[in-house]
Amino acid sequence: MNDTDDAFLQAKALEALTGIPEATWRWWAHIGSGPESFKMGRRRVWRRSVVLAWIAEQERRTARGEKVA
């Protein structure tokens, strides 16, 4: 893992990375769904490595026909 993989991303950056709307990332954080996030100061952030691992898990689960977030 390098520094890029462990970068802190805000919802707007996640929208650019995944195409999932910023509001969805914020909603998932609010209801405790999606990848783990936390507050850094006044901002909610996600570790890039955690998001990529979550996406890989979603891919694995949907390939097997399981329910995803």
N, C-alpha and C. Protein backbone atom coordinates (compact mmCIF):
# COMPACT_ATOMS: atom_id res chain seq x y z
N MET A 1 0.85 -1.17 0.00
CA MET A 1 0.00 0.00 0.00
C MET A 1 0.90 1.24 0.00
N ASN A 2 0.54 2.22 -0.83
CA ASN A 2 1.32 3.45 -0.86
C ASN A 2 0.47 4.62 -0.36
N ASP A 3 1.08 5.82 -0.35
CA ASP A 3 0.38 6.99 0.17
C ASP A 3 -0.89 7.31 -0.62
N THR A 4 -0.89 7.06 -1.92
CA THR A 4 -2.06 7.33 -2.74
C THR A 4 -3.23 6.45 -2.33
N ASP A 5 -2.95 5.17 -2.03
CA ASP A 5 -4.00 4.25 -1.62
C ASP A 5 -4.62 4.65 -0.29
N ASP A 6 -3.86 5.32 0.55
CA ASP A 6 -4.35 5.68 1.88
C ASP A 6 -4.74 7.15 1.98
N ALA A 7 -4.94 7.80 0.84
CA ALA A 7 -5.35 9.20 0.84
C ALA A 7 -6.74 9.33 1.46
N PHE A 8 -7.01 10.48 2.05
CA PHE A 8 -8.33 10.78 2.59
C PHE A 8 -9.14 11.47 1.50
N LEU A 9 -10.32 10.95 1.22
CA LEU A 9 -11.17 11.50 0.17
C LEU A 9 -12.48 12.01 0.76
N GLN A 10 -12.94 13.13 0.25
CA GLN A 10 -14.26 13.64 0.61
C GLN A 10 -15.27 13.14 -0.41
N ALA A 11 -16.54 13.36 -0.13
CA ALA A 11 -17.62 12.83 -0.97
C ALA A 11 -17.52 13.29 -2.42
N LYS A 12 -17.11 14.53 -2.64
CA LYS A 12 -17.00 15.05 -4.01
C LYS A 12 -15.94 14.28 -4.79
N ALA A 13 -14.81 13.96 -4.16
CA ALA A 13 -13.76 13.17 -4.82
C ALA A 13 -14.24 11.75 -5.08
N LEU A 14 -15.04 11.21 -4.17
CA LEU A 14 -15.58 9.86 -4.37
C LEU A 14 -16.55 9.84 -5.54
N GLU A 15 -17.31 10.91 -5.71
CA GLU A 15 -18.21 10.99 -6.87
C GLU A 15 -17.39 10.96 -8.16
N ALA A 16 -16.29 11.71 -8.21
CA ALA A 16 -15.44 11.72 -9.40
C ALA A 16 -14.80 10.35 -9.64
N LEU A 17 -14.45 9.66 -8.57
CA LEU A 17 -13.80 8.36 -8.67
C LEU A 17 -14.77 7.27 -9.11
N THR A 18 -16.00 7.30 -8.60
CA THR A 18 -16.92 6.17 -8.79
C THR A 18 -18.14 6.47 -9.66
N GLY A 19 -18.49 7.74 -9.78
CA GLY A 19 -19.72 8.09 -10.48
C GLY A 19 -20.95 8.03 -9.58
N ILE A 20 -20.77 7.61 -8.33
CA ILE A 20 -21.86 7.59 -7.35
C ILE A 20 -22.00 9.01 -6.80
N PRO A 21 -23.20 9.60 -6.83
CA PRO A 21 -23.38 10.99 -6.42
C PRO A 21 -22.87 11.27 -4.99
N GLU A 22 -22.36 12.49 -4.83
CA GLU A 22 -21.87 12.95 -3.53
C GLU A 22 -22.93 12.78 -2.45
N ALA A 23 -24.17 13.10 -2.78
CA ALA A 23 -25.27 12.98 -1.80
C ALA A 23 -25.46 11.54 -1.34
N THR A 24 -25.23 10.59 -2.22
CA THR A 24 -25.36 9.17 -1.85
C THR A 24 -24.28 8.79 -0.85
N TRP A 25 -23.05 9.24 -1.07
CA TRP A 25 -21.96 8.95 -0.13
C TRP A 25 -22.29 9.52 1.25
N ARG A 26 -22.81 10.74 1.25
CA ARG A 26 -23.16 11.38 2.53
C ARG A 26 -24.33 10.64 3.21
N TRP A 27 -25.32 10.22 2.42
CA TRP A 27 -26.46 9.49 2.98
C TRP A 27 -26.00 8.16 3.56
N TRP A 28 -25.17 7.43 2.81
CA TRP A 28 -24.66 6.15 3.31
C TRP A 28 -23.93 6.35 4.64
N ALA A 29 -23.12 7.39 4.75
CA ALA A 29 -22.41 7.67 6.00
C ALA A 29 -23.42 7.95 7.12
N HIS A 30 -24.46 8.69 6.80
CA HIS A 30 -25.48 9.05 7.79
C HIS A 30 -26.21 7.82 8.34
N ILE A 31 -26.52 6.87 7.46
CA ILE A 31 -27.28 5.69 7.88
C ILE A 31 -26.39 4.50 8.25
N GLY A 32 -25.07 4.69 8.16
CA GLY A 32 -24.15 3.61 8.54
C GLY A 32 -23.98 2.54 7.48
N SER A 33 -24.21 2.90 6.23
CA SER A 33 -24.04 1.97 5.12
C SER A 33 -22.79 2.36 4.33
N GLY A 34 -22.44 1.56 3.33
CA GLY A 34 -21.27 1.88 2.51
C GLY A 34 -19.97 1.67 3.26
N PRO A 35 -18.87 2.13 2.68
CA PRO A 35 -17.57 1.94 3.33
C PRO A 35 -17.43 2.83 4.56
N GLU A 36 -16.58 2.40 5.47
CA GLU A 36 -16.35 3.14 6.72
C GLU A 36 -15.81 4.54 6.42
N SER A 37 -16.35 5.52 7.14
CA SER A 37 -15.89 6.90 7.03
C SER A 37 -15.77 7.47 8.44
N PHE A 38 -15.18 8.66 8.53
CA PHE A 38 -15.05 9.30 9.83
C PHE A 38 -14.92 10.80 9.64
N LYS A 39 -15.09 11.53 10.74
CA LYS A 39 -14.96 12.97 10.71
C LYS A 39 -13.51 13.35 10.97
N MET A 40 -13.00 14.25 10.12
CA MET A 40 -11.68 14.83 10.32
C MET A 40 -11.92 16.34 10.41
N GLY A 41 -11.91 16.83 11.63
CA GLY A 41 -12.33 18.21 11.82
C GLY A 41 -13.82 18.30 11.55
N ARG A 42 -14.20 19.19 10.64
CA ARG A 42 -15.61 19.36 10.29
C ARG A 42 -16.00 18.57 9.05
N ARG A 43 -15.05 17.87 8.46
CA ARG A 43 -15.32 17.17 7.21
C ARG A 43 -15.39 15.66 7.40
N ARG A 44 -16.29 15.03 6.65
CA ARG A 44 -16.37 13.57 6.61
C ARG A 44 -15.43 13.10 5.52
N VAL A 45 -14.60 12.10 5.83
CA VAL A 45 -13.64 11.57 4.87
C VAL A 45 -13.68 10.05 4.85
N TRP A 46 -13.21 9.50 3.75
CA TRP A 46 -13.08 8.07 3.55
C TRP A 46 -11.65 7.80 3.13
N ARG A 47 -11.05 6.73 3.63
CA ARG A 47 -9.73 6.32 3.15
C ARG A 47 -9.90 5.68 1.78
N ARG A 48 -9.07 6.07 0.83
CA ARG A 48 -9.16 5.53 -0.52
C ARG A 48 -9.04 4.01 -0.50
N SER A 49 -8.12 3.50 0.30
CA SER A 49 -7.92 2.04 0.37
C SER A 49 -9.17 1.33 0.87
N VAL A 50 -9.88 1.91 1.82
CA VAL A 50 -11.10 1.31 2.35
C VAL A 50 -12.20 1.33 1.29
N VAL A 51 -12.30 2.43 0.56
CA VAL A 51 -13.32 2.53 -0.50
C VAL A 51 -13.04 1.50 -1.60
N LEU A 52 -11.79 1.38 -2.02
CA LEU A 52 -11.45 0.41 -3.07
C LEU A 52 -11.72 -1.02 -2.62
N ALA A 53 -11.43 -1.32 -1.36
CA ALA A 53 -11.72 -2.66 -0.82
C ALA A 53 -13.23 -2.90 -0.78
N TRP A 54 -13.99 -1.88 -0.40
CA TRP A 54 -15.45 -1.99 -0.37
C TRP A 54 -16.01 -2.24 -1.77
N ILE A 55 -15.49 -1.51 -2.76
CA ILE A 55 -15.93 -1.70 -4.14
C ILE A 55 -15.63 -3.13 -4.60
N ALA A 56 -14.44 -3.63 -4.28
CA ALA A 56 -14.07 -5.00 -4.65
C ALA A 56 -15.03 -6.00 -4.00
N GLU A 57 -15.41 -5.75 -2.76
CA GLU A 57 -16.35 -6.63 -2.06
C GLU A 57 -17.73 -6.58 -2.72
N GLN A 58 -18.17 -5.38 -3.13
CA GLN A 58 -19.45 -5.26 -3.82
C GLN A 58 -19.42 -6.05 -5.13
N GLU A 59 -18.31 -5.96 -5.83
CA GLU A 59 -18.16 -6.70 -7.09
C GLU A 59 -18.22 -8.20 -6.84
N ARG A 60 -17.52 -8.66 -5.83
CA ARG A 60 -17.51 -10.09 -5.50
C ARG A 60 -18.91 -10.57 -5.14
N ARG A 61 -19.60 -9.80 -4.30
CA ARG A 61 -20.92 -10.21 -3.83
C ARG A 61 -21.95 -10.21 -4.95
N THR A 62 -21.92 -9.20 -5.81
CA THR A 62 -22.91 -9.15 -6.89
C THR A 62 -22.65 -10.22 -7.93
N ALA A 63 -21.40 -10.60 -8.11
CA ALA A 63 -21.08 -11.68 -9.05
C ALA A 63 -21.68 -13.00 -8.57
N ARG A 64 -21.88 -13.11 -7.25
CA ARG A 64 -22.45 -14.33 -6.67
C ARG A 64 -23.96 -14.19 -6.43
N GLY A 65 -24.53 -13.06 -6.82
CA GLY A 65 -25.97 -12.86 -6.67
C GLY A 65 -26.41 -12.43 -5.29
N GLU A 66 -25.47 -11.98 -4.46
CA GLU A 66 -25.82 -11.54 -3.11
C GLU A 66 -26.29 -10.08 -3.12
N LYS A 67 -26.97 -9.68 -2.05
CA LYS A 67 -27.42 -8.30 -1.89
C LYS A 67 -26.24 -7.41 -1.50
N VAL A 68 -26.24 -6.18 -2.01
CA VAL A 68 -25.18 -5.23 -1.67
C VAL A 68 -25.79 -3.94 -1.13
N ALA A 69 -24.92 -3.07 -0.63
CA ALA A 69 -25.35 -1.80 -0.04
C ALA A 69 -26.00 -0.88 -1.05
